[in-house]
Amino acid sequence: MVQAVIFDWAGTTVDYGCFAPVAAFVAAFKNKGITITVEEARIPMGLPKRDHIAEICRMERVAGIWQEKYGRSPDEADIDSMYADFETMLLSTLKEYATPIPGAIEAVEQLRAQEIKIGSTTGYTSEMMDIIAPEAEKQGYVPDVLVTPDMVAAGRPYPWMCYVNAMRLGVYPMHDIVKVGDTVSDMREAVNAGVWAVGVIKGSNELGMNEAEIEACPSDELAEKMQIVRKRFEAAGAHYVIESIHQLPDVVDVISERLKRKEYPIFGTQEGIAR
C-alpha cells in the first residue's frame, strides 16, 4: 500500500499556475539589462532558485544577449547579484501566493482518511517557506513534513529532499511513496528517489495558465497545450499524469493495487497513464 504522498508546493498545492516566482525572475534579469520571456523564466522551474537563475543564464538565446551586452558570459557574481534581487522581490510578494489550489485540501483529507502520511518538497528556501507555510496553514493546508533545498546537500533533481521526507515520516521502502508535482524537475526528483512520479497539469508551472485563462481558452487549443505538458512529464519519467489535483486519490488507489501485485516504479514504465 502507498504509505506516503510527497507534494510539491507552488503550482501543485498552492499558487495556481505558479506565478509567484515568474515576475521576480524576469525582473532580476531586467535589472541587468537582459530581457527574458515568461516561457524562459518557467523552463527550469522546480530547481532551487539560484540554480534556476544559473540555468536561464545557460540558455543559448540569453547567453548570446549577455555576451553581446557585456562581452563575456555571466559569472558567479552575476548570478549571486540576480539571485539577491530575485529573493528581495519574491519575499515581498509571496504572502499573496499561498492560496491552496482548488481540490488540494480535499485530496489531502482523502489520503489522510486512508492513514497515508503527507510530506512536501519545494524549490523555495526555508526563509521563503516561512512566509508561505503559515499563510497556507491559515487556509487549511498543512503537510506533516516540509523539506527545503537549504536543508539538504542539493535540491532537485537530486533525491535528498524525498529521502529526508521518508526519514521524518518513518516510511520505507521508497516505492511505497508517491511524489506529486507540476514541473519536469519534480518528475526527475521522484525518479531519482525511486518513488512513484505523478504530474499534475492544471494549475502547473508547465501549463502556466490561471483558472480564468483556462476557462477562456478554446477547448481544442487547451487540449493541445495540455498534451504538450503531458508529454513533457512522461519524457521526464512520470508514471501517471493527471489533469487536476482532485484526481490524485484515485491514482494513489491504483498505485496501491499495483504494489499489492509487487509492481514497483521503474523509470521508463509509464503504462496506465491517468487521463
C-alpha atoms as a PDB file:
ATOM      1  CA  MET A   1       0.000   0.000   0.000  1.00  0.00           C
ATOM      2  CA  VAL A   2       1.056   3.587  -0.527  1.00  0.00           C
ATOM      3  CA  GLN A   3       2.292   4.849   2.845  1.00  0.00           C
ATOM      4  CA  ALA A   4       3.048   8.476   1.989  1.00  0.00           C
ATOM      5  CA  VAL A   5       2.488  11.152  -0.639  1.00  0.00           C
ATOM      6  CA  ILE A   6       5.069  13.923  -1.035  1.00  0.00           C
ATOM      7  CA  PHE A   7       3.645  17.083  -2.589  1.00  0.00           C
ATOM      8  CA  ASP A   8       5.377  19.977  -4.274  1.00  0.00           C
ATOM      9  CA  TRP A   9       4.161  23.438  -3.210  1.00  0.00           C
ATOM     10  CA  ALA A  10       3.824  26.234  -5.829  1.00  0.00           C
ATOM     11  CA  GLY A  11       1.834  25.036  -8.824  1.00  0.00           C
ATOM     12  CA  THR A  12       0.787  21.805  -7.101  1.00  0.00           C
ATOM     13  CA  THR A  13      -0.857  22.627  -3.759  1.00  0.00           C
ATOM     14  CA  VAL A  14      -0.707  26.459  -3.692  1.00  0.00           C
ATOM     15  CA  ASP A  15      -0.300  29.311  -6.219  1.00  0.00           C
ATOM     16  CA  TYR A  16      -2.428  28.125  -9.149  1.00  0.00           C
ATOM     17  CA  GLY A  17      -0.291  28.445 -12.280  1.00  0.00           C
ATOM     18  CA  CYS A  18       2.906  29.018 -10.258  1.00  0.00           C
ATOM     19  CA  PHE A  19       3.016  32.763 -10.843  1.00  0.00           C
ATOM     20  CA  ALA A  20       4.894  33.997  -7.754  1.00  0.00           C
ATOM     21  CA  PRO A  21       8.458  33.359  -8.992  1.00  0.00           C
ATOM     22  CA  VAL A  22       7.985  34.218 -12.667  1.00  0.00           C
ATOM     23  CA  ALA A  23       7.777  38.007 -12.414  1.00  0.00           C
ATOM     24  CA  ALA A  24      10.693  38.062  -9.978  1.00  0.00           C
ATOM     25  CA  PHE A  25      12.927  36.087 -12.374  1.00  0.00           C
ATOM     26  CA  VAL A  26      12.036  38.389 -15.280  1.00  0.00           C
ATOM     27  CA  ALA A  27      12.690  41.485 -13.151  1.00  0.00           C
ATOM     28  CA  ALA A  28      16.024  40.175 -11.830  1.00  0.00           C
ATOM     29  CA  PHE A  29      17.346  39.811 -15.383  1.00  0.00           C
ATOM     30  CA  LYS A  30      15.831  43.139 -16.441  1.00  0.00           C
ATOM     31  CA  ASN A  31      17.888  44.806 -13.700  1.00  0.00           C
ATOM     32  CA  LYS A  32      20.938  43.560 -15.619  1.00  0.00           C
ATOM     33  CA  GLY A  33      19.577  44.915 -18.902  1.00  0.00           C
ATOM     34  CA  ILE A  34      18.620  41.438 -20.145  1.00  0.00           C
ATOM     35  CA  THR A  35      15.074  40.738 -21.300  1.00  0.00           C
ATOM     36  CA  ILE A  36      13.885  37.158 -20.807  1.00  0.00           C
ATOM     37  CA  THR A  37      10.474  35.797 -21.713  1.00  0.00           C
ATOM     38  CA  VAL A  38       7.961  34.306 -19.298  1.00  0.00           C
ATOM     39  CA  GLU A  39       8.442  30.986 -21.079  1.00  0.00           C
ATOM     40  CA  GLU A  40      12.210  31.100 -20.493  1.00  0.00           C
ATOM     41  CA  ALA A  41      11.632  32.004 -16.847  1.00  0.00           C
ATOM     42  CA  ARG A  42       9.433  28.925 -16.423  1.00  0.00           C
ATOM     43  CA  ILE A  43      11.625  26.273 -18.079  1.00  0.00           C
ATOM     44  CA  PRO A  44      13.884  25.412 -15.074  1.00  0.00           C
ATOM     45  CA  MET A  45      11.055  25.754 -12.521  1.00  0.00           C
ATOM     46  CA  GLY A  46      11.292  23.354  -9.608  1.00  0.00           C
ATOM     47  CA  LEU A  47      15.040  23.778  -9.163  1.00  0.00           C
ATOM     48  CA  PRO A  48      16.477  25.684  -6.192  1.00  0.00           C
ATOM     49  CA  LYS A  49      16.093  29.334  -7.167  1.00  0.00           C
ATOM     50  CA  ARG A  50      19.779  30.220  -7.529  1.00  0.00           C
ATOM     51  CA  ASP A  51      20.259  27.128  -9.703  1.00  0.00           C
ATOM     52  CA  HIS A  52      17.203  28.254 -11.664  1.00  0.00           C
ATOM     53  CA  ILE A  53      18.865  31.595 -12.467  1.00  0.00           C
ATOM     54  CA  ALA A  54      22.061  29.803 -13.493  1.00  0.00           C
ATOM     55  CA  GLU A  55      20.064  27.575 -15.862  1.00  0.00           C
ATOM     56  CA  ILE A  56      18.450  30.609 -17.506  1.00  0.00           C
ATOM     57  CA  CYS A  57      21.926  32.091 -17.983  1.00  0.00           C
ATOM     58  CA  ARG A  58      22.949  28.934 -19.872  1.00  0.00           C
ATOM     59  CA  MET A  59      20.086  29.189 -22.371  1.00  0.00           C
ATOM     60  CA  GLU A  60      21.513  29.867 -25.808  1.00  0.00           C
ATOM     61  CA  ARG A  61      19.453  32.991 -26.529  1.00  0.00           C
ATOM     62  CA  VAL A  62      20.002  34.510 -23.090  1.00  0.00           C
ATOM     63  CA  ALA A  63      23.727  33.701 -23.120  1.00  0.00           C
ATOM     64  CA  GLY A  64      24.018  35.325 -26.534  1.00  0.00           C
ATOM     65  CA  ILE A  65      22.347  38.537 -25.391  1.00  0.00           C
ATOM     66  CA  TRP A  66      24.550  38.636 -22.294  1.00  0.00           C
ATOM     67  CA  GLN A  67      27.695  38.127 -24.390  1.00  0.00           C
ATOM     68  CA  GLU A  68      26.640  40.916 -26.752  1.00  0.00           C
ATOM     69  CA  LYS A  69      25.935  43.311 -23.890  1.00  0.00           C
ATOM     70  CA  TYR A  70      28.867  42.544 -21.594  1.00  0.00           C
ATOM     71  CA  GLY A  71      31.431  40.875 -23.868  1.00  0.00           C
ATOM     72  CA  ARG A  72      31.560  37.816 -21.611  1.00  0.00           C
ATOM     73  CA  SER A  73      29.445  35.085 -20.109  1.00  0.00           C
ATOM     74  CA  PRO A  74      27.645  35.662 -16.774  1.00  0.00           C
ATOM     75  CA  ASP A  75      29.805  34.638 -13.827  1.00  0.00           C
ATOM     76  CA  GLU A  76      29.059  33.529 -10.281  1.00  0.00           C
ATOM     77  CA  ALA A  77      28.992  37.126  -9.029  1.00  0.00           C
ATOM     78  CA  ASP A  78      26.349  37.984 -11.653  1.00  0.00           C
ATOM     79  CA  ILE A  79      24.243  35.019 -10.587  1.00  0.00           C
ATOM     80  CA  ASP A  80      24.589  35.975  -6.924  1.00  0.00           C
ATOM     81  CA  SER A  81      23.560  39.541  -7.724  1.00  0.00           C
ATOM     82  CA  MET A  82      20.477  38.456  -9.676  1.00  0.00           C
ATOM     83  CA  TYR A  83      19.543  35.954  -7.005  1.00  0.00           C
ATOM     84  CA  ALA A  84      19.702  38.707  -4.366  1.00  0.00           C
ATOM     85  CA  ASP A  85      17.387  40.876  -6.486  1.00  0.00           C
ATOM     86  CA  PHE A  86      15.090  37.912  -7.114  1.00  0.00           C
ATOM     87  CA  GLU A  87      14.907  36.994  -3.441  1.00  0.00           C
ATOM     88  CA  THR A  88      14.119  40.554  -2.341  1.00  0.00           C
ATOM     89  CA  MET A  89      11.299  40.887  -4.864  1.00  0.00           C
ATOM     90  CA  LEU A  90       9.880  37.440  -4.191  1.00  0.00           C
ATOM     91  CA  LEU A  91       9.868  37.762  -0.400  1.00  0.00           C
ATOM     92  CA  SER A  92       7.879  40.977  -0.704  1.00  0.00           C
ATOM     93  CA  THR A  93       5.050  39.278  -2.630  1.00  0.00           C
ATOM     94  CA  LEU A  94       4.993  35.622  -1.503  1.00  0.00           C
ATOM     95  CA  LYS A  95       2.214  36.088   1.037  1.00  0.00           C
ATOM     96  CA  GLU A  96      -0.152  36.798  -1.861  1.00  0.00           C
ATOM     97  CA  TYR A  97       0.562  33.418  -3.468  1.00  0.00           C
ATOM     98  CA  ALA A  98      -0.176  30.962  -0.644  1.00  0.00           C
ATOM     99  CA  THR A  99      -3.798  30.191  -1.537  1.00  0.00           C
ATOM    100  CA  PRO A 100      -4.364  26.422  -1.833  1.00  0.00           C
ATOM    101  CA  ILE A 101      -5.231  25.173  -5.298  1.00  0.00           C
ATOM    102  CA  PRO A 102      -8.876  24.028  -5.560  1.00  0.00           C
ATOM    103  CA  GLY A 103      -9.101  20.345  -4.723  1.00  0.00           C
ATOM    104  CA  ALA A 104      -5.733  20.139  -2.944  1.00  0.00           C
ATOM    105  CA  ILE A 105      -7.044  20.243   0.631  1.00  0.00           C
ATOM    106  CA  GLU A 106      -9.801  17.761  -0.205  1.00  0.00           C
ATOM    107  CA  ALA A 107      -7.276  15.384  -1.814  1.00  0.00           C
ATOM    108  CA  VAL A 108      -5.073  15.532   1.291  1.00  0.00           C
ATOM    109  CA  GLU A 109      -8.071  14.846   3.531  1.00  0.00           C
ATOM    110  CA  GLN A 110      -8.982  11.775   1.467  1.00  0.00           C
ATOM    111  CA  LEU A 111      -5.423  10.465   1.678  1.00  0.00           C
ATOM    112  CA  ARG A 112      -5.216  11.024   5.425  1.00  0.00           C
ATOM    113  CA  ALA A 113      -8.507   9.162   5.827  1.00  0.00           C
ATOM    114  CA  GLN A 114      -6.578   6.146   4.470  1.00  0.00           C
ATOM    115  CA  GLU A 115      -3.784   6.763   7.029  1.00  0.00           C
ATOM    116  CA  ILE A 116      -1.440   7.990   4.291  1.00  0.00           C
ATOM    117  CA  LYS A 117       1.208  10.429   5.517  1.00  0.00           C
ATOM    118  CA  ILE A 118       1.719  13.795   3.791  1.00  0.00           C
ATOM    119  CA  GLY A 119       5.182  15.151   3.017  1.00  0.00           C
ATOM    120  CA  SER A 120       6.383  18.033   0.879  1.00  0.00           C
ATOM    121  CA  THR A 121       9.382  19.354  -1.057  1.00  0.00           C
ATOM    122  CA  THR A 122       9.921  22.672  -2.810  1.00  0.00           C
ATOM    123  CA  GLY A 123      12.330  24.804  -4.773  1.00  0.00           C
ATOM    124  CA  TYR A 124      11.840  27.618  -2.258  1.00  0.00           C
ATOM    125  CA  THR A 125      14.247  28.267   0.612  1.00  0.00           C
ATOM    126  CA  SER A 126      13.314  27.937   4.291  1.00  0.00           C
ATOM    127  CA  GLU A 127      13.029  31.726   4.525  1.00  0.00           C
ATOM    128  CA  MET A 128      10.543  31.774   1.665  1.00  0.00           C
ATOM    129  CA  MET A 129       8.555  28.906   3.128  1.00  0.00           C
ATOM    130  CA  ASP A 130       8.430  30.722   6.479  1.00  0.00           C
ATOM    131  CA  ILE A 131       6.107  33.111   4.644  1.00  0.00           C
ATOM    132  CA  ILE A 132       4.111  30.639   2.550  1.00  0.00           C
ATOM    133  CA  ALA A 133       3.559  27.778   5.022  1.00  0.00           C
ATOM    134  CA  PRO A 134       1.842  29.826   7.773  1.00  0.00           C
ATOM    135  CA  GLU A 135      -0.413  31.503   5.211  1.00  0.00           C
ATOM    136  CA  ALA A 136      -1.347  28.145   3.686  1.00  0.00           C
ATOM    137  CA  GLU A 137      -1.997  26.762   7.184  1.00  0.00           C
ATOM    138  CA  LYS A 138      -4.465  29.574   7.863  1.00  0.00           C
ATOM    139  CA  GLN A 139      -6.349  28.375   4.796  1.00  0.00           C
ATOM    140  CA  GLY A 140      -6.309  24.709   5.784  1.00  0.00           C
ATOM    141  CA  TYR A 141      -3.228  23.172   4.173  1.00  0.00           C
ATOM    142  CA  VAL A 142      -0.596  21.680   6.491  1.00  0.00           C
ATOM    143  CA  PRO A 143       1.651  18.781   5.382  1.00  0.00           C
ATOM    144  CA  ASP A 144       3.211  16.565   8.042  1.00  0.00           C
ATOM    145  CA  VAL A 145       6.735  17.352   6.809  1.00  0.00           C
ATOM    146  CA  LEU A 146       8.284  20.221   4.850  1.00  0.00           C
ATOM    147  CA  VAL A 147      11.804  19.955   3.398  1.00  0.00           C
ATOM    148  CA  THR A 148      13.531  22.780   1.518  1.00  0.00           C
ATOM    149  CA  PRO A 149      16.706  22.687  -0.615  1.00  0.00           C
ATOM    150  CA  ASP A 150      18.787  24.510   2.006  1.00  0.00           C
ATOM    151  CA  MET A 151      18.114  21.648   4.443  1.00  0.00           C
ATOM    152  CA  VAL A 152      19.953  19.130   2.232  1.00  0.00           C
ATOM    153  CA  ALA A 153      23.128  18.863   0.157  1.00  0.00           C
ATOM    154  CA  ALA A 154      21.343  19.736  -3.099  1.00  0.00           C
ATOM    155  CA  GLY A 155      17.801  20.338  -4.304  1.00  0.00           C
ATOM    156  CA  ARG A 156      16.031  18.884  -7.321  1.00  0.00           C
ATOM    157  CA  PRO A 157      16.604  16.851  -9.354  1.00  0.00           C
ATOM    158  CA  TYR A 158      18.612  15.153  -6.586  1.00  0.00           C
ATOM    159  CA  PRO A 159      16.551  12.826  -4.375  1.00  0.00           C
ATOM    160  CA  TRP A 160      17.739  14.113  -0.997  1.00  0.00           C
ATOM    161  CA  MET A 161      14.575  16.044  -0.079  1.00  0.00           C
ATOM    162  CA  CYS A 162      12.486  12.933  -0.735  1.00  0.00           C
ATOM    163  CA  TYR A 163      14.850  10.874   1.421  1.00  0.00           C
ATOM    164  CA  VAL A 164      14.562  13.331   4.319  1.00  0.00           C
ATOM    165  CA  ASN A 165      10.769  13.214   3.959  1.00  0.00           C
ATOM    166  CA  ALA A 166      10.886   9.424   4.136  1.00  0.00           C
ATOM    167  CA  MET A 167      13.044   9.523   7.277  1.00  0.00           C
ATOM    168  CA  ARG A 168      10.904  12.100   9.057  1.00  0.00           C
ATOM    169  CA  LEU A 169       7.673  10.369   8.076  1.00  0.00           C
ATOM    170  CA  GLY A 170       9.088   6.978   9.052  1.00  0.00           C
ATOM    171  CA  VAL A 171       8.282   5.413   5.683  1.00  0.00           C
ATOM    172  CA  TYR A 172      10.202   2.631   3.931  1.00  0.00           C
ATOM    173  CA  PRO A 173      10.666   1.233   1.304  1.00  0.00           C
ATOM    174  CA  MET A 174      10.786   4.179  -1.075  1.00  0.00           C
ATOM    175  CA  HIS A 175       8.481   2.500  -3.587  1.00  0.00           C
ATOM    176  CA  ASP A 176       5.647   2.906  -1.074  1.00  0.00           C
ATOM    177  CA  ILE A 177       5.858   6.678  -1.645  1.00  0.00           C
ATOM    178  CA  VAL A 178       4.198   8.827  -4.319  1.00  0.00           C
ATOM    179  CA  LYS A 179       5.698  12.182  -5.347  1.00  0.00           C
ATOM    180  CA  VAL A 180       3.312  14.714  -6.891  1.00  0.00           C
ATOM    181  CA  GLY A 181       4.438  17.829  -8.729  1.00  0.00           C
ATOM    182  CA  ASP A 182       3.885  20.290 -11.545  1.00  0.00           C
ATOM    183  CA  THR A 183       7.357  20.524 -13.105  1.00  0.00           C
ATOM    184  CA  VAL A 184       9.805  18.357 -15.013  1.00  0.00           C
ATOM    185  CA  SER A 185      12.185  18.766 -12.055  1.00  0.00           C
ATOM    186  CA  ASP A 186       9.569  17.192  -9.770  1.00  0.00           C
ATOM    187  CA  MET A 187       9.365  14.144 -12.024  1.00  0.00           C
ATOM    188  CA  ARG A 188      13.143  13.775 -12.129  1.00  0.00           C
ATOM    189  CA  GLU A 189      13.349  14.142  -8.357  1.00  0.00           C
ATOM    190  CA  ALA A 190      10.825  11.330  -7.975  1.00  0.00           C
ATOM    191  CA  VAL A 191      12.570   9.035 -10.443  1.00  0.00           C
ATOM    192  CA  ASN A 192      15.940   9.623  -8.788  1.00  0.00           C
ATOM    193  CA  ALA A 193      14.432   8.859  -5.376  1.00  0.00           C
ATOM    194  CA  GLY A 194      12.860   5.601  -6.558  1.00  0.00           C
ATOM    195  CA  VAL A 195       9.299   6.731  -5.816  1.00  0.00           C
ATOM    196  CA  TRP A 196       6.182   6.945  -7.985  1.00  0.00           C
ATOM    197  CA  ALA A 197       6.034  10.153 -10.054  1.00  0.00           C
ATOM    198  CA  VAL A 198       2.687  11.860 -10.689  1.00  0.00           C
ATOM    199  CA  GLY A 199       2.467  15.052 -12.747  1.00  0.00           C
ATOM    200  CA  VAL A 200      -0.440  17.491 -12.445  1.00  0.00           C
ATOM    201  CA  ILE A 201      -1.341  19.584 -15.498  1.00  0.00           C
ATOM    202  CA  LYS A 202      -3.914  22.196 -14.469  1.00  0.00           C
ATOM    203  CA  GLY A 203      -2.503  24.752 -12.046  1.00  0.00           C
ATOM    204  CA  SER A 204       1.024  23.760 -13.047  1.00  0.00           C
ATOM    205  CA  ASN A 205       4.040  25.806 -13.991  1.00  0.00           C
ATOM    206  CA  GLU A 206       4.320  23.708 -17.136  1.00  0.00           C
ATOM    207  CA  LEU A 207       0.881  24.831 -18.343  1.00  0.00           C
ATOM    208  CA  GLY A 208       1.392  28.332 -16.911  1.00  0.00           C
ATOM    209  CA  MET A 209      -2.254  29.418 -17.013  1.00  0.00           C
ATOM    210  CA  ASN A 210      -4.551  30.739 -14.300  1.00  0.00           C
ATOM    211  CA  GLU A 211      -8.112  29.496 -13.863  1.00  0.00           C
ATOM    212  CA  ALA A 212      -9.648  32.341 -15.872  1.00  0.00           C
ATOM    213  CA  GLU A 213      -7.252  31.734 -18.772  1.00  0.00           C
ATOM    214  CA  ILE A 214      -8.066  28.029 -18.771  1.00  0.00           C
ATOM    215  CA  GLU A 215     -11.788  28.772 -18.723  1.00  0.00           C
ATOM    216  CA  ALA A 216     -11.476  31.213 -21.633  1.00  0.00           C
ATOM    217  CA  CYS A 217      -9.196  29.024 -23.753  1.00  0.00           C
ATOM    218  CA  PRO A 218     -10.884  27.243 -26.705  1.00  0.00           C
ATOM    219  CA  SER A 219     -11.228  23.550 -25.907  1.00  0.00           C
ATOM    220  CA  ASP A 220      -9.131  22.330 -28.832  1.00  0.00           C
ATOM    221  CA  GLU A 221      -6.333  24.791 -28.042  1.00  0.00           C
ATOM    222  CA  LEU A 222      -6.399  23.862 -24.345  1.00  0.00           C
ATOM    223  CA  ALA A 223      -6.299  20.155 -25.195  1.00  0.00           C
ATOM    224  CA  GLU A 224      -3.232  20.745 -27.368  1.00  0.00           C
ATOM    225  CA  LYS A 225      -1.450  22.698 -24.626  1.00  0.00           C
ATOM    226  CA  MET A 226      -2.263  20.026 -22.051  1.00  0.00           C
ATOM    227  CA  GLN A 227      -0.996  17.285 -24.338  1.00  0.00           C
ATOM    228  CA  ILE A 228       2.341  19.086 -24.654  1.00  0.00           C
ATOM    229  CA  VAL A 229       2.629  19.207 -20.860  1.00  0.00           C
ATOM    230  CA  ARG A 230       1.646  15.543 -20.577  1.00  0.00           C
ATOM    231  CA  LYS A 231       4.436  14.557 -22.974  1.00  0.00           C
ATOM    232  CA  ARG A 232       6.995  16.614 -21.022  1.00  0.00           C
ATOM    233  CA  PHE A 233       6.047  14.844 -17.802  1.00  0.00           C
ATOM    234  CA  GLU A 234       6.129  11.417 -19.434  1.00  0.00           C
ATOM    235  CA  ALA A 235       9.520  12.105 -21.031  1.00  0.00           C
ATOM    236  CA  ALA A 236      10.855  13.033 -17.581  1.00  0.00           C
ATOM    237  CA  GLY A 237       9.692   9.699 -16.155  1.00  0.00           C
ATOM    238  CA  ALA A 238       6.173  10.349 -14.854  1.00  0.00           C
ATOM    239  CA  HIS A 239       4.339   7.109 -14.112  1.00  0.00           C
ATOM    240  CA  TYR A 240       0.991   8.913 -14.093  1.00  0.00           C
ATOM    241  CA  VAL A 241      -0.212  12.272 -15.361  1.00  0.00           C
ATOM    242  CA  ILE A 242      -3.468  13.720 -14.068  1.00  0.00           C
ATOM    243  CA  GLU A 243      -5.475  16.683 -15.264  1.00  0.00           C
ATOM    244  CA  SER A 244      -6.048  18.176 -11.824  1.00  0.00           C
ATOM    245  CA  ILE A 245      -5.137  17.515  -8.199  1.00  0.00           C
ATOM    246  CA  HIS A 246      -8.579  16.232  -7.221  1.00  0.00           C
ATOM    247  CA  GLN A 247      -7.872  13.076  -9.283  1.00  0.00           C
ATOM    248  CA  LEU A 248      -4.873  12.153  -7.135  1.00  0.00           C
ATOM    249  CA  PRO A 249      -6.624   9.883  -4.577  1.00  0.00           C
ATOM    250  CA  ASP A 250      -7.888   7.658  -7.414  1.00  0.00           C
ATOM    251  CA  VAL A 251      -4.362   7.328  -8.813  1.00  0.00           C
ATOM    252  CA  VAL A 252      -2.984   6.539  -5.350  1.00  0.00           C
ATOM    253  CA  ASP A 253      -5.560   3.735  -5.106  1.00  0.00           C
ATOM    254  CA  VAL A 254      -4.350   2.360  -8.451  1.00  0.00           C
ATOM    255  CA  ILE A 255      -0.729   2.502  -7.288  1.00  0.00           C
ATOM    256  CA  SER A 256      -1.626   0.669  -4.069  1.00  0.00           C
ATOM    257  CA  GLU A 257      -3.199  -2.111  -6.134  1.00  0.00           C
ATOM    258  CA  ARG A 258      -0.046  -2.318  -8.240  1.00  0.00           C
ATOM    259  CA  LEU A 259       2.088  -2.540  -5.099  1.00  0.00           C
ATOM    260  CA  LYS A 260      -0.035  -5.458  -3.916  1.00  0.00           C
ATOM    261  CA  ARG A 261       0.928  -7.185  -7.169  1.00  0.00           C
ATOM    262  CA  LYS A 262       4.593  -6.370  -6.404  1.00  0.00           C
ATOM    263  CA  GLU A 263       4.806  -3.851  -9.247  1.00  0.00           C
ATOM    264  CA  TYR A 264       7.290  -1.096  -8.469  1.00  0.00           C
ATOM    265  CA  PRO A 265       8.197   2.261 -10.034  1.00  0.00           C
ATOM    266  CA  ILE A 266      10.827   1.888 -12.716  1.00  0.00           C
ATOM    267  CA  PHE A 267      11.980   4.719 -14.950  1.00  0.00           C
ATOM    268  CA  GLY A 268      10.538   4.443 -18.445  1.00  0.00           C
ATOM    269  CA  THR A 269       7.495   2.320 -17.495  1.00  0.00           C
ATOM    270  CA  GLN A 270       4.666   4.767 -17.999  1.00  0.00           C
ATOM    271  CA  GLU A 271       1.837   2.398 -18.762  1.00  0.00           C
ATOM    272  CA  GLY A 272      -1.543   3.211 -17.275  1.00  0.00           C
ATOM    273  CA  ILE A 273      -1.145   6.983 -17.623  1.00  0.00           C
ATOM    274  CA  ALA A 274      -4.204   8.539 -15.985  1.00  0.00           C
ATOM    275  CA  ARG A 275      -6.327  10.549 -18.395  1.00  0.00           C
END
